[in-house]
Protein backbone atom coordinates (compact mmCIF):
# COMPACT_ATOMS: atom_id res chain seq x y z
CA MET A 1 31.32 -220.88 -3.15
CA THR A 2 30.29 -221.13 -6.77
CA VAL A 3 27.76 -218.53 -7.91
CA ILE A 4 25.59 -219.23 -10.92
CA GLN A 5 23.61 -216.38 -12.44
CA ILE A 6 20.28 -216.97 -14.13
CA LEU A 7 19.26 -213.92 -16.11
CA GLY A 8 16.02 -212.94 -17.79
CA SER A 9 12.33 -213.12 -17.22
CA GLY A 10 10.59 -216.46 -17.15
CA SER A 11 13.63 -218.50 -16.06
CA LEU A 12 12.64 -221.51 -14.02
CA ILE A 13 13.84 -221.75 -10.44
CA PRO A 14 15.66 -224.99 -9.52
CA ASP A 15 13.71 -227.35 -7.25
CA TRP A 16 16.16 -226.99 -4.35
CA ALA A 17 15.83 -223.18 -4.43
CA GLU A 18 12.04 -223.39 -4.52
CA ALA A 19 12.11 -225.76 -1.54
CA LEU A 20 14.39 -223.37 0.38
CA GLU A 21 12.17 -220.43 -0.53
CA SER A 22 9.08 -222.29 0.63
CA ARG A 23 10.72 -223.22 3.97
CA GLU A 24 11.97 -219.70 4.62
CA PHE A 25 9.09 -217.59 3.31
CA GLY A 26 6.08 -219.92 3.32
CA SER A 27 5.50 -219.68 -0.42
CA VAL A 28 7.25 -219.80 -3.78
CA TRP A 29 7.26 -216.86 -6.17
CA GLY A 30 7.89 -218.98 -9.26
CA PRO A 31 9.71 -218.05 -12.48
CA LEU A 32 11.78 -214.90 -12.64
CA GLY A 33 9.86 -211.81 -13.63
CA GLU A 34 10.97 -209.15 -16.03
CA PHE A 35 14.29 -207.53 -14.99
CA GLU A 36 14.83 -210.14 -12.26
CA ILE A 37 18.12 -211.93 -11.65
CA LEU A 38 18.66 -214.96 -9.45
CA TRP A 39 22.01 -215.92 -7.93
CA LEU A 40 22.38 -219.52 -6.79
CA ALA A 41 25.15 -220.56 -4.42
CA ASP A 42 26.10 -224.24 -4.32
CA LYS A 43 22.58 -225.42 -3.50
CA LEU A 44 23.03 -223.62 -0.17
CA ALA A 45 21.59 -220.19 -0.82
CA PHE A 46 20.00 -217.86 -3.33
CA ALA A 47 19.40 -214.16 -3.81
CA ARG A 48 16.66 -212.80 -6.05
CA TRP A 49 16.99 -209.22 -7.28
CA ARG A 50 15.01 -206.93 -9.56
CA MET A 51 16.82 -204.30 -11.58
CA ILE A 52 14.64 -201.21 -11.93
CA PRO A 53 14.82 -199.98 -15.54
CA ASN A 54 15.91 -196.40 -16.27
CA SER A 55 16.68 -195.72 -12.61
CA ALA A 56 20.16 -197.12 -11.88
CA GLU A 57 18.59 -199.02 -8.95
CA ALA A 58 17.99 -202.61 -7.92
CA GLU A 59 15.98 -204.18 -5.12
CA LEU A 60 16.70 -207.36 -3.18
CA LEU A 61 13.48 -209.39 -3.28
CA HIS A 62 14.53 -212.52 -1.38
CA ILE A 63 17.70 -213.96 0.06
CA ALA A 64 17.83 -217.30 1.83
CA VAL A 65 20.53 -219.57 3.20
CA ASP A 66 19.94 -223.19 4.16
CA THR A 67 19.70 -223.43 7.96
CA ALA A 68 22.67 -225.82 8.24
CA HIS A 69 24.94 -223.34 6.44
CA ARG A 70 24.15 -220.11 8.26
CA ARG A 71 26.71 -217.97 10.08
CA VAL A 72 29.64 -219.18 7.97
CA GLY A 73 29.74 -216.32 5.46
CA VAL A 74 27.55 -217.71 2.66
CA ALA A 75 25.08 -214.80 2.72
CA LYS A 76 27.90 -212.27 2.97
CA ARG A 77 29.74 -213.68 -0.03
CA LEU A 78 26.50 -213.89 -1.98
CA MET A 79 25.61 -210.25 -1.20
CA VAL A 80 29.10 -209.11 -2.22
CA GLU A 81 28.89 -210.97 -5.55
CA CYS A 82 25.42 -209.60 -6.28
CA SER A 83 26.43 -206.03 -5.39
CA LYS A 84 29.51 -206.18 -7.63
CA TYR A 85 27.50 -207.48 -10.57
CA LEU A 86 24.71 -204.94 -10.13
CA ALA A 87 27.16 -202.04 -9.81
CA ALA A 88 29.00 -203.20 -12.94
CA ASN A 89 25.65 -203.21 -14.75
CA GLY A 90 24.66 -199.66 -13.87
CA CYS A 91 22.90 -200.03 -10.53
CA ALA A 92 24.31 -197.25 -8.35
CA SER A 93 21.71 -197.65 -5.62
CA LEU A 94 20.55 -200.91 -4.03
CA HIS A 95 17.55 -201.29 -1.72
CA LEU A 96 16.01 -203.96 0.49
CA GLU A 97 13.43 -204.45 3.22
CA VAL A 98 14.08 -206.75 6.17
CA ARG A 99 11.95 -207.70 9.15
CA ALA A 100 12.57 -205.37 12.07
CA SER A 101 13.13 -208.46 14.25
CA ASN A 102 15.80 -209.93 11.94
CA ILE A 103 18.76 -208.42 13.75
CA PRO A 104 21.37 -210.89 12.35
CA ALA A 105 20.45 -209.90 8.77
CA GLN A 106 20.52 -206.21 9.64
CA LYS A 107 23.99 -206.60 11.18
CA LEU A 108 25.15 -208.38 8.01
CA TYR A 109 23.88 -205.57 5.78
CA GLU A 110 25.45 -202.92 8.00
CA SER A 111 28.79 -204.78 7.92
CA LEU A 112 28.67 -204.50 4.13
CA GLY A 113 28.09 -200.74 4.18
CA TRP A 114 24.30 -200.70 3.88
CA ARG A 115 22.49 -197.90 5.76
CA ARG A 116 19.11 -198.14 7.47
CA ILE A 117 17.13 -195.28 5.93
CA ASN A 118 13.53 -195.77 7.05
CA VAL A 119 10.85 -198.09 8.43
CA ARG A 120 7.70 -199.38 6.74
CA LYS A 121 5.08 -199.79 9.46
CA ALA A 122 3.13 -203.08 9.43
CA TYR A 123 4.80 -204.05 6.12
CA TYR A 124 4.51 -207.80 6.55
CA GLY A 125 1.26 -209.76 6.60
CA ASP A 126 1.61 -210.46 10.31
CA GLY A 127 1.88 -206.73 11.06
CA GLU A 128 5.65 -206.61 11.64
CA ASP A 129 7.54 -203.53 10.51
CA ALA A 130 10.23 -203.62 7.83
CA ALA A 131 13.53 -201.80 8.11
CA ILE A 132 14.51 -200.27 4.78
CA PHE A 133 18.19 -200.36 3.86
CA CYS A 134 20.13 -198.71 1.02
CA LEU A 135 23.60 -199.15 -0.43
CA SER A 136 24.74 -196.37 -2.74
CA GLY A 137 27.84 -196.50 -4.89
């Protein structure tokens, strides 16, 4: 898997990544915001993170893998690459929210050393809870 990093606010998202984001999340967030980083993996997957200034933290905003390429390690390799980069750039604590019903994603995060630390009740627009995970270096 080749990982391409796009750094900096305002970077445009490739069409294939926007299409994947739209399919998976129902909308497209658009250009990268300030302190955001996007990892692209072989037109198969992406991970969008925000580094939180002056806090040594980063938050996973979105991760998506094309349906035809799930369960073959793409997301795992992508998460490992992102975590290494973020740690090397001063982020000692990583955070994410995931749907309570998304058990496969939660198992992936746990296999990579992430810990479930809390729940956000009715976090998503449809009322579903979010499980909050943390990875600390």
